[in-house]
Protein backbone atom coordinates (compact mmCIF):
# COMPACT_ATOMS: atom_id res chain seq x y z
CA MET A 1 0.00 0.00 0.00
CA GLU A 2 2.80 2.39 0.88
CA ARG A 3 4.39 1.68 -2.49
CA VAL A 4 1.14 2.52 -4.28
CA VAL A 5 0.83 5.81 -2.36
CA ARG A 6 4.43 6.71 -3.14
CA HIS A 7 3.92 5.93 -6.83
CA PHE A 8 0.78 8.09 -6.89
CA GLN A 9 2.65 11.02 -5.30
CA GLU A 10 5.50 10.64 -7.80
CA GLU A 11 3.00 10.70 -10.65
CA LEU A 12 1.38 13.83 -9.20
CA GLU A 13 4.78 15.54 -9.02
CA ALA A 14 5.54 14.55 -12.61
CA LEU A 15 2.16 15.96 -13.67
CA GLN A 16 2.94 19.24 -11.93
CA GLU A 17 6.35 19.44 -13.66
CA ARG A 18 4.77 18.93 -17.07
CA LEU A 19 2.18 21.63 -16.36
CA LEU A 20 4.97 24.02 -15.41
CA ALA A 21 6.83 23.16 -18.62
CA MET A 22 3.69 23.88 -20.63
CA GLY A 23 3.16 27.14 -18.74
CA GLY A 24 6.72 28.19 -19.54
CA LEU A 25 6.17 27.46 -23.24
CA ALA A 26 2.89 29.37 -23.28
CA GLU A 27 4.42 32.36 -21.52
CA GLU A 28 7.39 32.41 -23.91
CA ARG A 29 5.08 32.34 -26.93
CA VAL A 30 3.09 35.29 -25.58
CA ARG A 31 6.33 37.20 -24.97
CA GLU A 32 7.56 36.45 -28.49
CA ALA A 33 4.22 37.36 -30.10
CA VAL A 34 4.21 40.78 -28.44
CA ARG A 35 7.88 41.31 -29.32
CA CYS A 36 7.13 40.57 -32.99
CA VAL A 37 4.57 43.41 -32.91
CA THR A 38 6.73 45.94 -31.08
CA ASP A 39 9.96 45.14 -32.99
CA ARG A 40 8.18 44.61 -36.32
CA ASP A 41 10.11 41.35 -36.67
CA ARG A 42 8.65 39.40 -39.60
CA THR A 43 11.24 36.61 -39.45
CA ALA A 44 10.51 35.81 -35.81
CA LEU A 45 6.81 36.03 -36.60
CA GLU A 46 7.09 33.22 -39.17
CA VAL A 47 8.83 31.05 -36.55
CA LEU A 48 6.11 31.83 -34.00
CA LEU A 49 3.27 30.92 -36.35
CA ALA A 50 4.93 27.61 -37.26
CA GLY A 51 5.72 26.50 -33.71
CA ASP A 52 2.47 25.54 -31.95
CA GLN A 53 3.05 21.76 -31.94
CA PRO A 54 5.07 21.44 -28.67
CA ILE A 55 2.20 22.97 -26.66
CA ASN A 56 -0.35 20.78 -28.41
CA ASP A 57 1.76 17.68 -27.68
CA LEU A 58 2.04 18.61 -23.99
CA HIS A 59 -1.69 19.28 -23.85
CA MET A 60 -2.43 15.70 -24.94
CA GLU A 61 0.27 14.21 -22.70
CA ILE A 62 -0.99 16.02 -19.58
CA ASP A 63 -4.61 15.05 -20.25
CA ASP A 64 -3.47 11.45 -20.61
CA ARG A 65 -1.57 11.61 -17.31
CA CYS A 66 -4.61 13.06 -15.53
CA PHE A 67 -7.03 10.47 -16.86
CA LYS A 68 -4.68 7.61 -15.94
CA LEU A 69 -4.33 8.94 -12.40
CA LEU A 70 -8.10 9.17 -12.09
CA ALA A 71 -8.69 5.69 -13.50
CA LEU A 72 -5.90 3.82 -11.71
CA HIS A 73 -5.96 5.47 -8.28
CA GLN A 74 -9.52 6.79 -7.91
CA PRO A 75 -8.30 9.67 -5.70
CA MET A 76 -10.53 11.35 -3.15
CA ALA A 77 -10.92 14.83 -1.63
CA ALA A 78 -7.79 17.01 -1.93
CA ASP A 79 -5.97 14.72 -4.40
CA LEU A 80 -9.02 14.61 -6.63
CA ARG A 81 -9.22 18.42 -6.61
CA VAL A 82 -5.54 18.61 -7.67
CA ILE A 83 -6.12 16.38 -10.69
CA VAL A 84 -9.34 18.12 -11.72
CA ALA A 85 -7.55 21.48 -11.41
CA ALA A 86 -4.70 20.13 -13.55
CA VAL A 87 -7.14 19.10 -16.32
CA LYS A 88 -8.67 22.58 -16.35
CA ILE A 89 -5.33 24.41 -16.12
CA ASN A 90 -4.03 22.29 -19.00
CA THR A 91 -6.90 23.50 -21.19
CA ASP A 92 -6.32 27.13 -20.21
CA LEU A 93 -2.62 26.90 -21.06
CA GLU A 94 -3.36 25.34 -24.44
CA ARG A 95 -5.72 28.21 -25.19
CA VAL A 96 -3.05 30.72 -24.17
CA GLY A 97 -0.85 29.12 -26.82
CA ASP A 98 -3.66 29.52 -29.36
CA LEU A 99 -4.07 33.18 -28.40
CA ALA A 100 -0.34 33.77 -28.94
CA VAL A 101 -0.85 32.46 -32.49
CA ASN A 102 -3.85 34.78 -32.88
CA ILE A 103 -1.67 37.72 -31.82
CA GLY A 104 0.90 36.61 -34.38
CA GLU A 105 -1.70 36.48 -37.14
CA ALA A 106 -2.93 39.98 -36.28
CA ALA A 107 0.70 41.15 -36.14
CA GLY A 108 1.26 39.80 -39.65
CA ARG A 109 -1.54 42.00 -40.94
CA TYR A 110 -0.44 44.98 -38.85
CA LEU A 111 3.15 44.89 -40.12
CA VAL A 112 1.99 45.44 -43.70
CA HIS A 113 1.09 49.02 -42.69
CA PRO A 114 3.18 51.87 -41.32
CA PRO A 115 3.10 52.13 -37.52
CA VAL A 116 -0.02 53.87 -36.23
CA LYS A 117 1.75 55.15 -33.09
CA PRO A 118 4.52 54.22 -30.65
CA LEU A 119 3.37 51.11 -28.80
CA ILE A 120 3.33 51.63 -25.04
CA ASP A 121 0.27 49.97 -23.53
CA ILE A 122 0.33 46.79 -25.63
CA PRO A 123 3.81 45.84 -24.29
CA ARG A 124 2.52 46.69 -20.79
CA MET A 125 -0.45 44.40 -21.34
CA GLY A 126 1.88 41.67 -22.57
CA GLU A 127 4.11 41.92 -19.50
CA LEU A 128 1.13 41.95 -17.15
CA ALA A 129 -0.54 38.96 -18.83
CA GLN A 130 2.72 36.99 -18.63
CA ARG A 131 3.17 37.88 -14.96
CA MET A 132 -0.40 36.84 -14.17
CA LEU A 133 0.18 33.51 -15.87
CA ARG A 134 3.48 32.97 -14.06
CA ASP A 135 2.01 33.93 -10.67
CA ALA A 136 -1.04 31.69 -11.18
CA LEU A 137 1.20 28.71 -11.92
CA ASP A 138 3.47 29.55 -8.97
CA ALA A 139 0.34 29.62 -6.80
CA PHE A 140 -0.56 26.17 -8.12
CA VAL A 141 2.85 24.74 -7.24
CA ARG A 142 3.03 26.41 -3.81
CA ARG A 143 -0.68 25.98 -2.98
CA ASP A 144 -0.59 29.73 -2.36
CA VAL A 145 -4.12 31.15 -2.10
CA PRO A 146 -3.07 34.81 -1.43
CA LEU A 147 -0.92 34.79 -4.59
CA ALA A 148 -3.82 33.34 -6.58
CA GLU A 149 -6.11 36.04 -5.18
CA ALA A 150 -3.58 38.71 -6.24
CA VAL A 151 -3.86 37.43 -9.82
CA LEU A 152 -7.62 38.04 -9.70
CA VAL A 153 -7.01 41.66 -8.70
CA GLU A 154 -4.51 42.23 -11.53
CA ASP A 155 -7.12 41.24 -14.09
CA ASP A 156 -8.85 44.59 -13.50
CA THR A 157 -5.67 46.45 -14.50
CA LEU A 158 -5.43 44.43 -17.70
CA ASP A 159 -9.06 45.21 -18.56
CA ALA A 160 -8.45 48.93 -17.94
CA LEU A 161 -5.43 48.91 -20.28
CA LYS A 162 -7.48 47.26 -23.03
CA THR A 163 -10.16 49.95 -22.69
CA GLN A 164 -7.51 52.68 -22.77
CA ILE A 165 -5.98 51.23 -25.94
CA PHE A 166 -9.37 51.09 -27.64
CA ARG A 167 -10.18 54.71 -26.82
CA GLU A 168 -6.79 55.98 -27.96
CA LEU A 169 -6.84 54.06 -31.24
CA LEU A 170 -10.40 55.14 -31.93
CA THR A 171 -9.16 58.73 -31.86
CA TYR A 172 -6.48 57.90 -34.46
CA MET A 173 -9.03 56.16 -36.70
CA LEU A 174 -11.40 59.12 -36.59
CA GLN A 175 -8.62 61.55 -37.45
CA ASP A 176 -6.99 59.49 -40.23
CA PRO A 177 -8.95 56.81 -42.16
CA SER A 178 -5.68 55.22 -43.37
CA THR A 179 -5.05 54.02 -39.80
CA VAL A 180 -8.31 52.09 -39.55
CA GLU A 181 -7.04 48.65 -40.62
CA PRO A 182 -3.82 48.58 -38.58
CA ALA A 183 -5.54 50.18 -35.57
CA LEU A 184 -8.21 47.48 -35.65
CA ASP A 185 -5.49 44.82 -35.55
CA LEU A 186 -3.90 46.52 -32.53
CA ILE A 187 -7.30 46.54 -30.82
CA LEU A 188 -7.63 42.84 -31.64
CA ILE A 189 -4.19 42.16 -30.17
CA SER A 190 -5.20 43.94 -26.97
CA ARG A 191 -8.33 41.79 -26.86
CA HIS A 192 -6.24 38.62 -27.19
CA LEU A 193 -3.96 39.80 -24.36
CA GLU A 194 -6.99 40.45 -22.19
CA ARG A 195 -8.18 36.91 -22.93
CA ILE A 196 -4.78 35.56 -21.84
CA GLY A 197 -5.30 37.40 -18.56
CA ASP A 198 -8.72 35.75 -18.29
CA HIS A 199 -7.11 32.33 -18.67
CA ALA A 200 -4.55 33.21 -15.99
CA THR A 201 -7.48 34.22 -13.81
CA ASN A 202 -9.15 30.88 -14.49
CA VAL A 203 -5.98 29.13 -13.31
CA ALA A 204 -5.92 31.25 -10.15
CA GLU A 205 -9.57 30.43 -9.45
CA ASP A 206 -8.80 26.72 -9.89
CA VAL A 207 -5.92 27.03 -7.40
CA ILE A 208 -8.20 28.62 -4.80
CA PHE A 209 -10.73 25.82 -5.24
CA MET A 210 -8.02 23.16 -5.19
CA VAL A 211 -6.51 24.40 -1.92
CA SER A 212 -9.56 25.59 0.00
CA ALA A 213 -12.53 23.93 -1.80
CA ARG A 214 -13.87 27.47 -2.24
CA ASP A 215 -15.46 28.40 -5.59
CA VAL A 216 -14.79 32.09 -6.33
CA ARG A 217 -16.01 32.12 -9.93
CA HIS A 218 -18.63 34.71 -10.90
CA GLN A 219 -18.56 36.42 -7.50
CA GLY A 220 -19.36 40.11 -7.18
CA GLY A 221 -21.49 40.18 -10.32
CA ASP A 222 -18.54 39.73 -12.66
CA THR A 223 -19.17 38.56 -16.19
CA PRO A 224 -18.34 34.86 -16.55
CA HIS A 225 -15.12 34.20 -18.46
CA ASP A 226 -15.59 33.08 -22.02
CA ASP A 227 -13.37 30.03 -22.54
CA THR A 228 -13.14 30.27 -26.29
């Protein structure tokens, strides 16, 4: 029996390591997508758009690990919450990878045009979204509820930046019709970054539930997160 318990714990640790690896890949792809926009780097953009397979492979591997743990060990209570959280976090990280590709596709269209303006808030959004993702995963590893709760608070800052970007770019579009297409792509990029923050928030909410069995989703009248 002790051997079975030890094997289960080793498998849980391996699952956690793979999730962290996937989180690192997702974060790096977000960083590179934003850099391609700010540096107008078409070569790096081609590499980004071609490189989604490692995250997809990890997504399938982690799901497989979770389902085997559920089937073979039939965990209860806290261990069950860890595995269920891992399944959900895995899906959020895969979608972050997809959103990095979406940013890259919008960047490809944007780079055809002259710059609309110096980019200040989009890099800030990128850094904040990456930090939220990193902190949410750290909270998962450390079972750190206060850190997870801090991620929820940061989501408001990300939303405010997206709104600010929209208002500023709308002014440019009204003043100069030639900026409409590239400005719309920048607005779309800000929307994708906000969605990445939403996925980081989902991870943080899963951590809170995993540690304390407390469901904090949809509290305070917030709009439910769209998981597309």
